[in-house]
Amino acid sequence: MSHFTANEERHLASLRELTNCPYMDVECEEVGRITPSVEDLPPLAEFNEKWSAVKLDGDMVSYALRFTEFGAYWSTLTGDDCDDGSEGEEVDDPTESEPPEIYGEFFLRPIHDILSQSAGPADAVETKFQRTFLSELRVMDQTPRSGAGMLTYLRLSPGSGPLEVWYSDIAAIGIPPYPPGFIRMDITYSEYLDALILTKGTYGWQYLYTDISLTAGFSETAEYLEGMLSLFPECFPGHDYSDLQARLEARL
């Protein structure tokens, strides 16, 4: 019997889909050790005394991943690196067999490691609200291999609703009173994990779940997402990409 949860098995299968795709050059992280499950964690106040009134989402018990090392950095194979499977046969138009140029990366932190982080981002801010906001953020997904600077945070703030998920990169995003460079995603922690199975960490996929337009200043991101939605249904036919397509169309 597997010692992985059902959701961990889903994500391991998604990683295999990525590594087995003939259009991808993939560098993977080892799964690493297994951290405690959410139900086995100590009270949140033992991680941070300010979190006594913070409640984790109920579905995190079944959804949270426990792997200390779980991620991949990938790009599509193009040009001379692309094997179209023709075994030396001449192709009238080689570009027709090449996938679009796309990059992606994810590196998911287990809940135990998210809670164990000592502090939020150290960005310079102007208000007490912004300082408090940054102090509540903890990294849940990042891009360490490429150094692309894309980070997704879980916001550990008191409240009864699902914990907020925030995205940050070097783009000019965000609106007051929040500090620049941060934008809230319309997604829960568990929904984020579900979306990652579809997107495989394609650069900028998080914008599909934000209130933002990709028509100005985000041309490269839009190209990656358009490429993802043209290629992935062929590479991963077991997934439904109609919702992501609708989200992209709404932002173009």
C-alpha atoms as a PDB file:
ATOM      1  CA  MET A   1       0.000   0.000   0.000  1.00  0.00           C
ATOM      2  CA  SER A   2       1.323   3.438  -0.927  1.00  0.00           C
ATOM      3  CA  HIS A   3       2.350   5.740   1.915  1.00  0.00           C
ATOM      4  CA  PHE A   4       1.364   8.754  -0.188  1.00  0.00           C
ATOM      5  CA  THR A   5      -1.999  10.464   0.048  1.00  0.00           C
ATOM      6  CA  ALA A   6      -4.387  10.450  -2.902  1.00  0.00           C
ATOM      7  CA  ASN A   7      -3.504  14.051  -3.734  1.00  0.00           C
ATOM      8  CA  GLU A   8       0.223  13.372  -3.468  1.00  0.00           C
ATOM      9  CA  GLU A   9      -0.248  10.522  -5.942  1.00  0.00           C
ATOM     10  CA  ARG A  10      -1.999  12.964  -8.317  1.00  0.00           C
ATOM     11  CA  HIS A  11       0.933  15.350  -8.199  1.00  0.00           C
ATOM     12  CA  LEU A  12       3.494  12.598  -8.657  1.00  0.00           C
ATOM     13  CA  ALA A  13       1.527  11.461 -11.713  1.00  0.00           C
ATOM     14  CA  SER A  14       1.503  15.052 -13.011  1.00  0.00           C
ATOM     15  CA  LEU A  15       5.268  15.223 -12.601  1.00  0.00           C
ATOM     16  CA  ARG A  16       5.608  11.981 -14.568  1.00  0.00           C
ATOM     17  CA  GLU A  17       3.445  13.467 -17.315  1.00  0.00           C
ATOM     18  CA  LEU A  18       5.871  16.358 -17.530  1.00  0.00           C
ATOM     19  CA  THR A  19       9.054  14.276 -17.533  1.00  0.00           C
ATOM     20  CA  ASN A  20       7.640  11.817 -20.078  1.00  0.00           C
ATOM     21  CA  CYS A  21       6.545  14.514 -22.514  1.00  0.00           C
ATOM     22  CA  PRO A  22       8.732  14.342 -25.660  1.00  0.00           C
ATOM     23  CA  TYR A  23       8.469  18.107 -26.186  1.00  0.00           C
ATOM     24  CA  MET A  24       9.975  19.018 -22.822  1.00  0.00           C
ATOM     25  CA  ASP A  25      13.458  19.370 -21.372  1.00  0.00           C
ATOM     26  CA  VAL A  26      12.861  18.870 -17.651  1.00  0.00           C
ATOM     27  CA  GLU A  27      14.963  19.163 -14.501  1.00  0.00           C
ATOM     28  CA  CYS A  28      13.198  17.642 -11.517  1.00  0.00           C
ATOM     29  CA  GLU A  29      13.612  17.810  -7.783  1.00  0.00           C
ATOM     30  CA  GLU A  30      13.684  14.627  -5.736  1.00  0.00           C
ATOM     31  CA  VAL A  31      10.612  14.103  -3.608  1.00  0.00           C
ATOM     32  CA  GLY A  32      12.715  14.232  -0.440  1.00  0.00           C
ATOM     33  CA  ARG A  33      11.555  13.333   3.027  1.00  0.00           C
ATOM     34  CA  ILE A  34       7.966  13.401   4.210  1.00  0.00           C
ATOM     35  CA  THR A  35       6.970  16.095   6.715  1.00  0.00           C
ATOM     36  CA  PRO A  36       4.099  15.796   9.213  1.00  0.00           C
ATOM     37  CA  SER A  37       0.567  15.939   7.845  1.00  0.00           C
ATOM     38  CA  VAL A  38      -1.635  18.928   8.636  1.00  0.00           C
ATOM     39  CA  GLU A  39      -3.602  17.010  11.263  1.00  0.00           C
ATOM     40  CA  ASP A  40      -0.344  16.083  13.022  1.00  0.00           C
ATOM     41  CA  LEU A  41       0.984  19.640  13.208  1.00  0.00           C
ATOM     42  CA  PRO A  42       1.217  21.424  16.560  1.00  0.00           C
ATOM     43  CA  PRO A  43      -1.002  24.488  17.165  1.00  0.00           C
ATOM     44  CA  LEU A  44      -0.121  27.369  14.852  1.00  0.00           C
ATOM     45  CA  ALA A  45       0.809  29.559  17.820  1.00  0.00           C
ATOM     46  CA  GLU A  46       3.778  27.260  18.431  1.00  0.00           C
ATOM     47  CA  PHE A  47       5.131  28.318  15.046  1.00  0.00           C
ATOM     48  CA  ASN A  48       4.324  32.001  15.570  1.00  0.00           C
ATOM     49  CA  GLU A  49       2.611  33.532  18.594  1.00  0.00           C
ATOM     50  CA  LYS A  50       0.725  35.925  16.297  1.00  0.00           C
ATOM     51  CA  TRP A  51      -1.064  33.028  14.606  1.00  0.00           C
ATOM     52  CA  SER A  52      -3.238  31.943  17.538  1.00  0.00           C
ATOM     53  CA  ALA A  53      -6.360  33.171  15.698  1.00  0.00           C
ATOM     54  CA  VAL A  54      -5.312  31.830  12.266  1.00  0.00           C
ATOM     55  CA  LYS A  55      -7.182  28.798  10.949  1.00  0.00           C
ATOM     56  CA  LEU A  56      -5.971  26.574   8.142  1.00  0.00           C
ATOM     57  CA  ASP A  57      -8.476  25.648   5.439  1.00  0.00           C
ATOM     58  CA  GLY A  58     -10.324  22.454   6.257  1.00  0.00           C
ATOM     59  CA  ASP A  59      -9.452  20.727   2.975  1.00  0.00           C
ATOM     60  CA  MET A  60      -5.737  21.184   3.623  1.00  0.00           C
ATOM     61  CA  VAL A  61      -5.877  17.970   5.669  1.00  0.00           C
ATOM     62  CA  SER A  62      -6.431  15.919   2.527  1.00  0.00           C
ATOM     63  CA  TYR A  63      -4.809  18.252  -0.035  1.00  0.00           C
ATOM     64  CA  ALA A  64      -1.560  19.474   1.508  1.00  0.00           C
ATOM     65  CA  LEU A  65       1.615  17.925   0.124  1.00  0.00           C
ATOM     66  CA  ARG A  66       4.237  16.710   2.600  1.00  0.00           C
ATOM     67  CA  PHE A  67       7.260  16.518   0.267  1.00  0.00           C
ATOM     68  CA  THR A  68      10.262  18.606   1.308  1.00  0.00           C
ATOM     69  CA  GLU A  69      11.543  18.644  -2.283  1.00  0.00           C
ATOM     70  CA  PHE A  70       8.925  18.746  -5.004  1.00  0.00           C
ATOM     71  CA  GLY A  71       9.349  20.753  -8.164  1.00  0.00           C
ATOM     72  CA  ALA A  72      10.539  20.984 -11.743  1.00  0.00           C
ATOM     73  CA  TYR A  73      12.117  23.487 -14.107  1.00  0.00           C
ATOM     74  CA  TRP A  74      11.338  22.910 -17.769  1.00  0.00           C
ATOM     75  CA  SER A  75      11.274  24.358 -21.254  1.00  0.00           C
ATOM     76  CA  THR A  76       9.943  23.138 -24.554  1.00  0.00           C
ATOM     77  CA  LEU A  77      12.401  21.688 -27.049  1.00  0.00           C
ATOM     78  CA  THR A  78      12.722  23.879 -30.122  1.00  0.00           C
ATOM     79  CA  GLY A  79      14.960  24.094 -33.177  1.00  0.00           C
ATOM     80  CA  ASP A  80      17.741  21.503 -33.351  1.00  0.00           C
ATOM     81  CA  ASP A  81      16.822  20.163 -29.910  1.00  0.00           C
ATOM     82  CA  CYS A  82      13.308  19.202 -30.975  1.00  0.00           C
ATOM     83  CA  ASP A  83      12.777  15.558 -31.918  1.00  0.00           C
ATOM     84  CA  ASP A  84       9.616  15.399 -33.995  1.00  0.00           C
ATOM     85  CA  GLY A  85       9.775  11.606 -34.230  1.00  0.00           C
ATOM     86  CA  SER A  86      10.249  11.614 -38.008  1.00  0.00           C
ATOM     87  CA  GLU A  87      13.487   9.508 -37.799  1.00  0.00           C
ATOM     88  CA  GLY A  88      15.290  11.398 -40.529  1.00  0.00           C
ATOM     89  CA  GLU A  89      12.351  11.889 -42.827  1.00  0.00           C
ATOM     90  CA  GLU A  90      12.245  15.223 -44.589  1.00  0.00           C
ATOM     91  CA  VAL A  91       9.675  17.690 -43.332  1.00  0.00           C
ATOM     92  CA  ASP A  92       8.386  20.343 -45.733  1.00  0.00           C
ATOM     93  CA  ASP A  93       7.973  22.939 -42.992  1.00  0.00           C
ATOM     94  CA  PRO A  94       9.957  22.100 -39.836  1.00  0.00           C
ATOM     95  CA  THR A  95       8.237  24.832 -37.842  1.00  0.00           C
ATOM     96  CA  GLU A  96       4.973  22.912 -38.056  1.00  0.00           C
ATOM     97  CA  SER A  97       6.447  20.116 -35.916  1.00  0.00           C
ATOM     98  CA  GLU A  98       8.050  22.394 -33.334  1.00  0.00           C
ATOM     99  CA  PRO A  99       6.240  23.225 -30.115  1.00  0.00           C
ATOM    100  CA  PRO A 100       5.925  26.858 -29.031  1.00  0.00           C
ATOM    101  CA  GLU A 101       8.710  28.214 -26.855  1.00  0.00           C
ATOM    102  CA  ILE A 102       7.484  27.958 -23.275  1.00  0.00           C
ATOM    103  CA  TYR A 103       9.183  27.914 -19.879  1.00  0.00           C
ATOM    104  CA  GLY A 104       7.884  26.852 -16.514  1.00  0.00           C
ATOM    105  CA  GLU A 105       8.909  26.116 -12.970  1.00  0.00           C
ATOM    106  CA  PHE A 106       7.385  25.257  -9.633  1.00  0.00           C
ATOM    107  CA  PHE A 107       8.777  24.270  -6.259  1.00  0.00           C
ATOM    108  CA  LEU A 108       6.093  23.577  -3.692  1.00  0.00           C
ATOM    109  CA  ARG A 109       6.776  23.909   0.010  1.00  0.00           C
ATOM    110  CA  PRO A 110       5.019  21.541   2.446  1.00  0.00           C
ATOM    111  CA  ILE A 111       2.748  23.120   5.036  1.00  0.00           C
ATOM    112  CA  HIS A 112       5.230  22.341   7.813  1.00  0.00           C
ATOM    113  CA  ASP A 113       7.946  24.310   5.990  1.00  0.00           C
ATOM    114  CA  ILE A 114       5.561  27.156   5.128  1.00  0.00           C
ATOM    115  CA  LEU A 115       4.744  27.578   8.799  1.00  0.00           C
ATOM    116  CA  SER A 116       8.384  27.239   9.858  1.00  0.00           C
ATOM    117  CA  GLN A 117       9.562  30.208   7.782  1.00  0.00           C
ATOM    118  CA  SER A 118      10.746  32.925  10.095  1.00  0.00           C
ATOM    119  CA  ALA A 119       9.511  36.063   8.346  1.00  0.00           C
ATOM    120  CA  GLY A 120       7.681  37.475   5.357  1.00  0.00           C
ATOM    121  CA  PRO A 121       9.226  39.488   2.489  1.00  0.00           C
ATOM    122  CA  ALA A 122      11.654  42.225   3.532  1.00  0.00           C
ATOM    123  CA  ASP A 123      10.425  44.756   0.959  1.00  0.00           C
ATOM    124  CA  ALA A 124      10.623  48.434   1.862  1.00  0.00           C
ATOM    125  CA  VAL A 125       7.117  49.698   2.559  1.00  0.00           C
ATOM    126  CA  GLU A 126       5.514  52.953   3.605  1.00  0.00           C
ATOM    127  CA  THR A 127       2.642  52.086   5.940  1.00  0.00           C
ATOM    128  CA  LYS A 128       1.939  49.991   9.023  1.00  0.00           C
ATOM    129  CA  PHE A 129      -0.720  48.111   7.045  1.00  0.00           C
ATOM    130  CA  GLN A 130       1.838  47.132   4.424  1.00  0.00           C
ATOM    131  CA  ARG A 131       4.332  46.012   7.072  1.00  0.00           C
ATOM    132  CA  THR A 132       1.669  43.866   8.702  1.00  0.00           C
ATOM    133  CA  PHE A 133       0.609  42.473   5.336  1.00  0.00           C
ATOM    134  CA  LEU A 134       4.163  41.426   4.427  1.00  0.00           C
ATOM    135  CA  SER A 135       4.694  39.888   7.866  1.00  0.00           C
ATOM    136  CA  GLU A 136       1.729  37.565   7.202  1.00  0.00           C
ATOM    137  CA  LEU A 137       3.081  36.138   3.927  1.00  0.00           C
ATOM    138  CA  ARG A 138       4.891  32.817   3.719  1.00  0.00           C
ATOM    139  CA  VAL A 139       6.266  31.280   0.497  1.00  0.00           C
ATOM    140  CA  MET A 140       4.341  28.253  -0.781  1.00  0.00           C
ATOM    141  CA  ASP A 141       5.664  28.054  -4.371  1.00  0.00           C
ATOM    142  CA  GLN A 142       8.782  29.531  -5.982  1.00  0.00           C
ATOM    143  CA  THR A 143      11.266  29.374  -8.889  1.00  0.00           C
ATOM    144  CA  PRO A 144      14.683  28.561  -7.338  1.00  0.00           C
ATOM    145  CA  ARG A 145      16.335  26.840 -10.325  1.00  0.00           C
ATOM    146  CA  SER A 146      15.771  29.613 -12.853  1.00  0.00           C
ATOM    147  CA  GLY A 147      15.969  32.512 -10.418  1.00  0.00           C
ATOM    148  CA  ALA A 148      12.996  34.044 -12.227  1.00  0.00           C
ATOM    149  CA  GLY A 149      11.826  35.697  -9.018  1.00  0.00           C
ATOM    150  CA  MET A 150       8.254  34.414  -9.187  1.00  0.00           C
ATOM    151  CA  LEU A 151       6.803  33.670  -5.764  1.00  0.00           C
ATOM    152  CA  THR A 152       3.438  32.549  -4.489  1.00  0.00           C
ATOM    153  CA  TYR A 153       2.543  33.201  -0.863  1.00  0.00           C
ATOM    154  CA  LEU A 154       0.020  31.924   1.615  1.00  0.00           C
ATOM    155  CA  ARG A 155      -1.235  34.770   3.799  1.00  0.00           C
ATOM    156  CA  LEU A 156      -1.504  33.670   7.414  1.00  0.00           C
ATOM    157  CA  SER A 157      -3.948  36.191   8.800  1.00  0.00           C
ATOM    158  CA  PRO A 158      -6.806  35.769  11.289  1.00  0.00           C
ATOM    159  CA  GLY A 159     -10.219  35.113   9.806  1.00  0.00           C
ATOM    160  CA  SER A 160     -12.864  32.487   9.170  1.00  0.00           C
ATOM    161  CA  GLY A 161     -12.593  32.277   5.386  1.00  0.00           C
ATOM    162  CA  PRO A 162     -10.043  30.396   3.255  1.00  0.00           C
ATOM    163  CA  LEU A 163      -6.482  31.667   3.576  1.00  0.00           C
ATOM    164  CA  GLU A 164      -5.556  34.152   0.866  1.00  0.00           C
ATOM    165  CA  VAL A 165      -3.059  33.267  -1.873  1.00  0.00           C
ATOM    166  CA  TRP A 166      -0.854  36.075  -3.232  1.00  0.00           C
ATOM    167  CA  TYR A 167       1.455  36.172  -6.245  1.00  0.00           C
ATOM    168  CA  SER A 168       4.540  38.306  -6.759  1.00  0.00           C
ATOM    169  CA  ASP A 169       7.063  38.847  -9.532  1.00  0.00           C
ATOM    170  CA  ILE A 170       9.093  41.735 -10.942  1.00  0.00           C
ATOM    171  CA  ALA A 171       6.140  43.160 -12.902  1.00  0.00           C
ATOM    172  CA  ALA A 172       4.410  46.388 -11.890  1.00  0.00           C
ATOM    173  CA  ILE A 173       1.372  44.796 -10.293  1.00  0.00           C
ATOM    174  CA  GLY A 174      -0.760  45.438  -7.251  1.00  0.00           C
ATOM    175  CA  ILE A 175      -2.925  48.289  -6.049  1.00  0.00           C
ATOM    176  CA  PRO A 176      -3.060  50.300  -2.792  1.00  0.00           C
ATOM    177  CA  PRO A 177      -3.253  49.813   0.098  1.00  0.00           C
ATOM    178  CA  TYR A 178      -1.116  46.771  -0.646  1.00  0.00           C
ATOM    179  CA  PRO A 179       2.566  47.211  -1.508  1.00  0.00           C
ATOM    180  CA  PRO A 180       3.546  47.164  -5.196  1.00  0.00           C
ATOM    181  CA  GLY A 181       4.574  43.868  -6.719  1.00  0.00           C
ATOM    182  CA  PHE A 182       1.895  41.736  -5.053  1.00  0.00           C
ATOM    183  CA  ILE A 183      -1.463  40.657  -6.421  1.00  0.00           C
ATOM    184  CA  ARG A 184      -4.114  38.477  -4.827  1.00  0.00           C
ATOM    185  CA  MET A 185      -5.175  35.326  -6.617  1.00  0.00           C
ATOM    186  CA  ASP A 186      -8.826  34.325  -6.794  1.00  0.00           C
ATOM    187  CA  ILE A 187      -7.982  30.844  -5.634  1.00  0.00           C
ATOM    188  CA  THR A 188      -7.581  28.814  -2.453  1.00  0.00           C
ATOM    189  CA  TYR A 189      -4.544  26.745  -1.469  1.00  0.00           C
ATOM    190  CA  SER A 190      -6.198  23.522  -2.646  1.00  0.00           C
ATOM    191  CA  GLU A 191      -7.421  25.097  -5.881  1.00  0.00           C
ATOM    192  CA  TYR A 192      -3.869  26.325  -6.500  1.00  0.00           C
ATOM    193  CA  LEU A 193      -2.588  22.760  -6.286  1.00  0.00           C
ATOM    194  CA  ASP A 194      -5.304  21.614  -8.700  1.00  0.00           C
ATOM    195  CA  ALA A 195      -4.389  24.368 -11.177  1.00  0.00           C
ATOM    196  CA  LEU A 196      -0.722  23.447 -10.956  1.00  0.00           C
ATOM    197  CA  ILE A 197      -1.522  19.957 -12.218  1.00  0.00           C
ATOM    198  CA  LEU A 198      -2.930  21.595 -15.357  1.00  0.00           C
ATOM    199  CA  THR A 199      -0.337  24.327 -15.896  1.00  0.00           C
ATOM    200  CA  LYS A 200       2.777  22.440 -14.767  1.00  0.00           C
ATOM    201  CA  GLY A 201       4.140  25.786 -13.566  1.00  0.00           C
ATOM    202  CA  THR A 202       4.090  27.608 -16.928  1.00  0.00           C
ATOM    203  CA  TYR A 203       5.520  31.068 -16.335  1.00  0.00           C
ATOM    204  CA  GLY A 204       2.782  33.513 -15.425  1.00  0.00           C
ATOM    205  CA  TRP A 205      -0.058  30.998 -15.105  1.00  0.00           C
ATOM    206  CA  GLN A 206      -1.002  32.601 -11.796  1.00  0.00           C
ATOM    207  CA  TYR A 207      -2.225  35.706 -13.654  1.00  0.00           C
ATOM    208  CA  LEU A 208      -5.103  33.625 -14.999  1.00  0.00           C
ATOM    209  CA  TYR A 209      -6.528  33.725 -11.490  1.00  0.00           C
ATOM    210  CA  THR A 210      -6.115  37.467 -10.884  1.00  0.00           C
ATOM    211  CA  ASP A 211      -8.015  40.603 -11.829  1.00  0.00           C
ATOM    212  CA  ILE A 212      -5.517  41.809 -14.411  1.00  0.00           C
ATOM    213  CA  SER A 213      -5.268  42.515 -18.138  1.00  0.00           C
ATOM    214  CA  LEU A 214      -2.424  40.926 -20.080  1.00  0.00           C
ATOM    215  CA  THR A 215      -2.768  43.266 -23.065  1.00  0.00           C
ATOM    216  CA  ALA A 216      -0.185  45.841 -21.971  1.00  0.00           C
ATOM    217  CA  GLY A 217       3.239  45.023 -20.572  1.00  0.00           C
ATOM    218  CA  PHE A 218       2.644  41.278 -20.382  1.00  0.00           C
ATOM    219  CA  SER A 219       3.211  40.211 -23.987  1.00  0.00           C
ATOM    220  CA  GLU A 220       5.773  37.530 -23.105  1.00  0.00           C
ATOM    221  CA  THR A 221       3.538  36.093 -20.396  1.00  0.00           C
ATOM    222  CA  ALA A 222       0.581  36.055 -22.788  1.00  0.00           C
ATOM    223  CA  GLU A 223       2.701  34.209 -25.371  1.00  0.00           C
ATOM    224  CA  TYR A 224       3.682  31.569 -22.816  1.00  0.00           C
ATOM    225  CA  LEU A 225       0.064  31.058 -21.813  1.00  0.00           C
ATOM    226  CA  GLU A 226      -1.149  30.927 -25.409  1.00  0.00           C
ATOM    227  CA  GLY A 227       1.589  28.406 -26.156  1.00  0.00           C
ATOM    228  CA  MET A 228       0.637  26.353 -23.115  1.00  0.00           C
ATOM    229  CA  LEU A 229      -2.987  26.165 -24.214  1.00  0.00           C
ATOM    230  CA  SER A 230      -2.063  25.231 -27.776  1.00  0.00           C
ATOM    231  CA  LEU A 231       0.367  22.482 -26.735  1.00  0.00           C
ATOM    232  CA  PHE A 232      -0.861  21.014 -23.451  1.00  0.00           C
ATOM    233  CA  PRO A 233      -4.185  19.580 -24.667  1.00  0.00           C
ATOM    234  CA  GLU A 234      -2.120  17.506 -27.120  1.00  0.00           C
ATOM    235  CA  CYS A 235       0.560  16.552 -24.577  1.00  0.00           C
ATOM    236  CA  PHE A 236      -1.796  15.878 -21.686  1.00  0.00           C
ATOM    237  CA  PRO A 237      -5.134  14.842 -23.220  1.00  0.00           C
ATOM    238  CA  GLY A 238      -6.493  13.562 -19.934  1.00  0.00           C
ATOM    239  CA  HIS A 239      -6.998  17.111 -18.650  1.00  0.00           C
ATOM    240  CA  ASP A 240      -9.673  19.682 -19.450  1.00  0.00           C
ATOM    241  CA  TYR A 241      -8.185  23.057 -20.386  1.00  0.00           C
ATOM    242  CA  SER A 242     -11.429  24.833 -21.255  1.00  0.00           C
ATOM    243  CA  ASP A 243     -11.534  26.866 -18.019  1.00  0.00           C
ATOM    244  CA  LEU A 244      -7.951  28.087 -18.470  1.00  0.00           C
ATOM    245  CA  GLN A 245      -8.717  29.014 -22.079  1.00  0.00           C
ATOM    246  CA  ALA A 246     -11.714  31.049 -20.978  1.00  0.00           C
ATOM    247  CA  ARG A 247      -9.630  32.761 -18.291  1.00  0.00           C
ATOM    248  CA  LEU A 248      -6.939  33.696 -20.794  1.00  0.00           C
ATOM    249  CA  GLU A 249      -9.456  35.051 -23.319  1.00  0.00           C
ATOM    250  CA  ALA A 250     -10.953  37.219 -20.571  1.00  0.00           C
ATOM    251  CA  ARG A 251      -7.538  38.823 -19.954  1.00  0.00           C
ATOM    252  CA  LEU A 252      -6.581  39.541 -23.560  1.00  0.00           C
END
